[in-house]
């Protein structure tokens, strides 16, 4: 089942798909637009992402 994820930084929308695998996988997926980490995992699943909508509405960093 696909999961829709929206990047907190730029607003790009992704479809994430999980694949069960027989071994542990530790990895992460970053936004293709702004490099924000969208998902990280450590388990018997591997995730893939498809960019559905590209946005570049970068929210200002409150630390700046």
C-alpha atoms as a PDB file:
ATOM      1  CA  UNK A   1       0.000   0.000   0.000  1.00  0.00           C
ATOM      2  CA  UNK A   2       1.341   3.424  -0.947  1.00  0.00           C
ATOM      3  CA  UNK A   3       1.796   6.151   1.638  1.00  0.00           C
ATOM      4  CA  UNK A   4       1.672   9.836   0.692  1.00  0.00           C
ATOM      5  CA  UNK A   5       4.335  12.004   2.318  1.00  0.00           C
ATOM      6  CA  UNK A   6       4.741  15.777   2.088  1.00  0.00           C
ATOM      7  CA  UNK A   7       8.146  17.355   2.654  1.00  0.00           C
ATOM      8  CA  UNK A   8       8.032  19.663   5.687  1.00  0.00           C
ATOM      9  CA  UNK A   9      10.539  22.056   4.119  1.00  0.00           C
ATOM     10  CA  UNK A  10       9.555  22.555   0.461  1.00  0.00           C
ATOM     11  CA  UNK A  11       6.070  21.023   0.249  1.00  0.00           C
ATOM     12  CA  UNK A  12       6.895  18.445  -2.460  1.00  0.00           C
ATOM     13  CA  UNK A  13       4.588  15.424  -2.390  1.00  0.00           C
ATOM     14  CA  UNK A  14       5.795  11.827  -2.636  1.00  0.00           C
ATOM     15  CA  UNK A  15       4.315   8.361  -2.834  1.00  0.00           C
ATOM     16  CA  UNK A  16       6.229   5.880  -0.647  1.00  0.00           C
ATOM     17  CA  UNK A  17       6.076   2.143  -1.221  1.00  0.00           C
ATOM     18  CA  UNK A  18       7.382  -0.439   1.277  1.00  0.00           C
ATOM     19  CA  UNK A  19       8.896  -3.724   0.169  1.00  0.00           C
ATOM     20  CA  UNK A  20       9.418  -6.538   2.686  1.00  0.00           C
ATOM     21  CA  UNK A  21      12.881  -8.055   2.474  1.00  0.00           C
ATOM     22  CA  UNK A  22      14.433 -11.089   4.197  1.00  0.00           C
ATOM     23  CA  UNK A  23      17.276  -9.113   5.798  1.00  0.00           C
ATOM     24  CA  UNK A  24      17.570  -5.912   7.836  1.00  0.00           C
ATOM     25  CA  UNK A  25      18.066  -2.699   5.896  1.00  0.00           C
ATOM     26  CA  UNK A  26      19.140   0.621   7.391  1.00  0.00           C
ATOM     27  CA  UNK A  27      18.773   3.611   5.096  1.00  0.00           C
ATOM     28  CA  UNK A  28      16.890   6.841   4.505  1.00  0.00           C
ATOM     29  CA  UNK A  29      15.242   8.825   1.721  1.00  0.00           C
ATOM     30  CA  UNK A  30      15.868  12.527   1.239  1.00  0.00           C
ATOM     31  CA  UNK A  31      13.704  15.000  -0.652  1.00  0.00           C
ATOM     32  CA  UNK A  32      14.814  15.240  -4.298  1.00  0.00           C
ATOM     33  CA  UNK A  33      14.180  19.011  -4.239  1.00  0.00           C
ATOM     34  CA  UNK A  34      15.671  20.268  -0.942  1.00  0.00           C
ATOM     35  CA  UNK A  35      17.534  17.252   0.586  1.00  0.00           C
ATOM     36  CA  UNK A  36      15.365  17.198   3.734  1.00  0.00           C
ATOM     37  CA  UNK A  37      15.227  13.687   5.278  1.00  0.00           C
ATOM     38  CA  UNK A  38      11.737  12.313   4.613  1.00  0.00           C
ATOM     39  CA  UNK A  39      12.000   8.813   6.049  1.00  0.00           C
ATOM     40  CA  UNK A  40      14.601   6.636   7.715  1.00  0.00           C
ATOM     41  CA  UNK A  41      14.285   2.975   8.647  1.00  0.00           C
ATOM     42  CA  UNK A  42      16.080   0.059  10.224  1.00  0.00           C
ATOM     43  CA  UNK A  43      14.263  -3.204   9.673  1.00  0.00           C
ATOM     44  CA  UNK A  44      13.077  -5.855   7.256  1.00  0.00           C
ATOM     45  CA  UNK A  45      11.499  -3.292   4.924  1.00  0.00           C
ATOM     46  CA  UNK A  46      12.967  -1.201   2.162  1.00  0.00           C
ATOM     47  CA  UNK A  47      11.218   1.969   1.005  1.00  0.00           C
ATOM     48  CA  UNK A  48      11.077   3.597  -2.419  1.00  0.00           C
ATOM     49  CA  UNK A  49       9.788   7.076  -3.226  1.00  0.00           C
ATOM     50  CA  UNK A  50       8.157   8.544  -6.299  1.00  0.00           C
ATOM     51  CA  UNK A  51       7.936  12.325  -6.642  1.00  0.00           C
ATOM     52  CA  UNK A  52       4.286  13.177  -7.390  1.00  0.00           C
ATOM     53  CA  UNK A  53       4.371  16.988  -7.159  1.00  0.00           C
ATOM     54  CA  UNK A  54       7.453  19.198  -7.111  1.00  0.00           C
ATOM     55  CA  UNK A  55       7.166  22.320  -4.943  1.00  0.00           C
ATOM     56  CA  UNK A  56       9.802  24.827  -3.959  1.00  0.00           C
ATOM     57  CA  UNK A  57       7.940  26.623  -1.173  1.00  0.00           C
ATOM     58  CA  UNK A  58      10.886  26.576   1.210  1.00  0.00           C
ATOM     59  CA  UNK A  59       9.806  27.543   4.693  1.00  0.00           C
ATOM     60  CA  UNK A  60      12.226  29.849   6.479  1.00  0.00           C
ATOM     61  CA  UNK A  61      14.475  28.183   9.004  1.00  0.00           C
ATOM     62  CA  UNK A  62      13.459  29.540  12.444  1.00  0.00           C
ATOM     63  CA  UNK A  63      17.102  29.328  13.587  1.00  0.00           C
ATOM     64  CA  UNK A  64      18.162  31.934  11.010  1.00  0.00           C
END
